[in-house]
Amino acid sequence: MFLKNDYQASLRNGSLGCITVIEDGKVTADFDGTEIELSGYGLDDLALAYAITVHKAQGSSFKRA
C-alpha cells in the first residue's frame, strides 16, 4: 500500500499494489497494471497491507450511494 499522494506517479494514499521486483535498493510494484519503480524516500511510503480499513478510502473518488 502506498501511504501518501504522489501525483506525478499517479499514486494516492491507499493505492494497493503488488511488489514484482526487489533489487539494488529499488522496488518495482504493479499498481493496477502500471509498474512504478520506487527507491530512496519513496520506499518510506510503502507499507504491507495484510488488512486495511475503509478509512484508507477517504478522499477517494468512490461514488456515493
N, C-alpha and C. Protein backbone atom coordinates (compact mmCIF):
# COMPACT_ATOMS: atom_id res chain seq x y z
N MET A 1 0.85 -1.17 0.00
CA MET A 1 0.00 0.00 0.00
C MET A 1 0.90 1.23 0.00
N PHE A 2 0.53 2.19 -0.84
CA PHE A 2 1.25 3.45 -0.87
C PHE A 2 0.58 4.40 0.12
N LEU A 3 1.36 5.14 0.88
CA LEU A 3 0.82 5.87 2.03
C LEU A 3 0.73 7.39 1.87
N LYS A 4 0.97 7.92 0.69
CA LYS A 4 0.80 9.35 0.50
C LYS A 4 0.39 9.62 -0.93
N ASN A 5 0.03 10.83 -1.23
CA ASN A 5 -0.32 11.21 -2.60
C ASN A 5 0.94 11.56 -3.37
N ASP A 6 1.12 10.92 -4.52
CA ASP A 6 2.22 11.24 -5.44
C ASP A 6 1.59 11.43 -6.81
N TYR A 7 1.25 12.67 -7.11
CA TYR A 7 0.51 12.96 -8.33
C TYR A 7 1.33 12.69 -9.59
N GLN A 8 2.65 12.85 -9.53
CA GLN A 8 3.48 12.56 -10.70
C GLN A 8 3.47 11.08 -11.06
N ALA A 9 3.40 10.22 -10.04
CA ALA A 9 3.38 8.77 -10.27
C ALA A 9 1.95 8.24 -10.35
N SER A 10 0.95 9.11 -10.23
CA SER A 10 -0.46 8.71 -10.23
C SER A 10 -0.79 7.75 -9.09
N LEU A 11 -0.16 7.95 -7.94
CA LEU A 11 -0.43 7.15 -6.76
C LEU A 11 -1.12 8.01 -5.71
N ARG A 12 -2.05 7.42 -5.00
CA ARG A 12 -2.78 8.12 -3.96
C ARG A 12 -2.62 7.39 -2.64
N ASN A 13 -2.84 8.08 -1.55
CA ASN A 13 -2.82 7.47 -0.23
C ASN A 13 -3.83 6.32 -0.22
N GLY A 14 -3.34 5.11 -0.02
CA GLY A 14 -4.20 3.94 -0.01
C GLY A 14 -4.15 3.12 -1.29
N SER A 15 -3.37 3.55 -2.29
CA SER A 15 -3.24 2.76 -3.52
C SER A 15 -2.64 1.40 -3.18
N LEU A 16 -3.26 0.35 -3.72
CA LEU A 16 -2.79 -1.01 -3.46
C LEU A 16 -2.01 -1.52 -4.66
N GLY A 17 -0.90 -2.16 -4.39
CA GLY A 17 -0.08 -2.71 -5.46
C GLY A 17 0.56 -4.00 -5.02
N CYS A 18 1.27 -4.61 -5.95
CA CYS A 18 1.96 -5.87 -5.68
C CYS A 18 3.42 -5.70 -6.09
N ILE A 19 4.34 -5.99 -5.18
CA ILE A 19 5.77 -5.86 -5.48
C ILE A 19 6.15 -6.97 -6.46
N THR A 20 6.81 -6.56 -7.55
CA THR A 20 7.21 -7.52 -8.58
C THR A 20 8.71 -7.75 -8.62
N VAL A 21 9.51 -6.74 -8.25
CA VAL A 21 10.96 -6.86 -8.30
C VAL A 21 11.57 -6.09 -7.12
N ILE A 22 12.59 -6.71 -6.50
CA ILE A 22 13.39 -6.03 -5.48
C ILE A 22 14.84 -6.26 -5.86
N GLU A 23 15.56 -5.17 -6.16
CA GLU A 23 16.99 -5.31 -6.45
C GLU A 23 17.70 -3.97 -6.36
N ASP A 24 18.93 -4.00 -5.90
CA ASP A 24 19.80 -2.83 -5.83
C ASP A 24 19.15 -1.62 -5.16
N GLY A 25 18.45 -1.83 -4.05
CA GLY A 25 17.85 -0.73 -3.32
C GLY A 25 16.62 -0.13 -3.99
N LYS A 26 16.09 -0.82 -4.99
CA LYS A 26 14.89 -0.34 -5.69
C LYS A 26 13.81 -1.41 -5.63
N VAL A 27 12.58 -0.95 -5.58
CA VAL A 27 11.42 -1.84 -5.58
C VAL A 27 10.54 -1.44 -6.76
N THR A 28 10.12 -2.45 -7.52
CA THR A 28 9.15 -2.21 -8.59
C THR A 28 7.84 -2.82 -8.14
N ALA A 29 6.78 -2.04 -8.21
CA ALA A 29 5.46 -2.51 -7.79
C ALA A 29 4.45 -2.26 -8.90
N ASP A 30 3.51 -3.18 -9.03
CA ASP A 30 2.44 -3.07 -10.02
C ASP A 30 1.21 -2.50 -9.32
N PHE A 31 0.81 -1.30 -9.73
CA PHE A 31 -0.40 -0.65 -9.21
C PHE A 31 -1.42 -0.62 -10.34
N ASP A 32 -2.39 -1.52 -10.30
CA ASP A 32 -3.45 -1.58 -11.31
C ASP A 32 -2.90 -1.63 -12.74
N GLY A 33 -1.90 -2.46 -12.97
CA GLY A 33 -1.36 -2.63 -14.31
C GLY A 33 -0.27 -1.66 -14.70
N THR A 34 0.06 -0.72 -13.82
CA THR A 34 1.14 0.23 -14.08
C THR A 34 2.29 -0.06 -13.14
N GLU A 35 3.45 -0.38 -13.70
CA GLU A 35 4.61 -0.66 -12.86
C GLU A 35 5.31 0.64 -12.50
N ILE A 36 5.54 0.83 -11.20
CA ILE A 36 6.20 2.01 -10.67
C ILE A 36 7.47 1.57 -9.96
N GLU A 37 8.60 2.21 -10.26
CA GLU A 37 9.85 1.91 -9.57
C GLU A 37 10.05 2.92 -8.45
N LEU A 38 10.28 2.42 -7.25
CA LEU A 38 10.46 3.27 -6.08
C LEU A 38 11.82 3.01 -5.46
N SER A 39 12.44 4.08 -4.99
CA SER A 39 13.72 3.96 -4.30
C SER A 39 13.84 5.13 -3.32
N GLY A 40 14.87 5.10 -2.52
CA GLY A 40 15.12 6.20 -1.58
C GLY A 40 13.92 6.46 -0.68
N TYR A 41 13.55 7.74 -0.59
CA TYR A 41 12.44 8.13 0.28
C TYR A 41 11.11 7.54 -0.17
N GLY A 42 10.97 7.21 -1.44
CA GLY A 42 9.73 6.59 -1.93
C GLY A 42 9.43 5.27 -1.24
N LEU A 43 10.48 4.58 -0.79
CA LEU A 43 10.27 3.31 -0.08
C LEU A 43 9.64 3.54 1.29
N ASP A 44 9.86 4.71 1.88
CA ASP A 44 9.25 5.03 3.18
C ASP A 44 7.73 5.13 3.06
N ASP A 45 7.24 5.32 1.86
CA ASP A 45 5.80 5.48 1.65
C ASP A 45 5.10 4.18 1.29
N LEU A 46 5.80 3.06 1.40
CA LEU A 46 5.21 1.74 1.18
C LEU A 46 4.99 1.04 2.51
N ALA A 47 3.90 0.29 2.61
CA ALA A 47 3.63 -0.50 3.81
C ALA A 47 2.94 -1.79 3.39
N LEU A 48 3.17 -2.83 4.17
CA LEU A 48 2.46 -4.08 3.92
C LEU A 48 0.98 -3.87 4.22
N ALA A 49 0.13 -4.49 3.43
CA ALA A 49 -1.31 -4.30 3.60
C ALA A 49 -2.00 -5.66 3.76
N TYR A 50 -1.80 -6.27 4.92
CA TYR A 50 -2.45 -7.54 5.18
C TYR A 50 -3.96 -7.34 5.33
N ALA A 51 -4.32 -6.25 5.97
CA ALA A 51 -5.73 -5.89 6.16
C ALA A 51 -5.79 -4.37 6.22
N ILE A 52 -6.77 -3.80 5.52
CA ILE A 52 -6.90 -2.34 5.52
C ILE A 52 -8.32 -1.98 5.93
N THR A 53 -8.49 -0.73 6.30
CA THR A 53 -9.81 -0.25 6.72
C THR A 53 -10.41 0.63 5.63
N VAL A 54 -11.68 0.88 5.74
CA VAL A 54 -12.36 1.77 4.82
C VAL A 54 -11.81 3.18 4.94
N HIS A 55 -11.23 3.50 6.08
CA HIS A 55 -10.67 4.83 6.30
C HIS A 55 -9.67 5.20 5.20
N LYS A 56 -8.94 4.22 4.66
CA LYS A 56 -7.97 4.49 3.60
C LYS A 56 -8.65 4.96 2.33
N ALA A 57 -9.95 4.76 2.19
CA ALA A 57 -10.68 5.23 1.01
C ALA A 57 -11.09 6.69 1.13
N GLN A 58 -10.83 7.28 2.28
CA GLN A 58 -11.20 8.67 2.50
C GLN A 58 -10.53 9.55 1.45
N GLY A 59 -11.29 10.42 0.84
CA GLY A 59 -10.74 11.31 -0.16
C GLY A 59 -10.67 10.70 -1.55
N SER A 60 -11.13 9.47 -1.68
CA SER A 60 -11.09 8.83 -2.99
C SER A 60 -12.27 9.31 -3.84
N SER A 61 -12.36 8.76 -5.01
CA SER A 61 -13.45 9.17 -5.91
C SER A 61 -14.56 8.12 -5.97
N PHE A 62 -14.73 7.38 -4.87
CA PHE A 62 -15.83 6.41 -4.82
C PHE A 62 -17.16 7.13 -4.94
N LYS A 63 -18.09 6.53 -5.69
CA LYS A 63 -19.41 7.12 -5.83
C LYS A 63 -20.21 6.95 -4.54
N ARG A 64 -21.00 7.96 -4.23
CA ARG A 64 -21.86 7.88 -3.05
C ARG A 64 -23.14 7.17 -3.42
N ALA A 65 -23.73 6.51 -2.43
CA ALA A 65 -24.99 5.77 -2.66
C ALA A 65 -26.16 6.70 -2.79
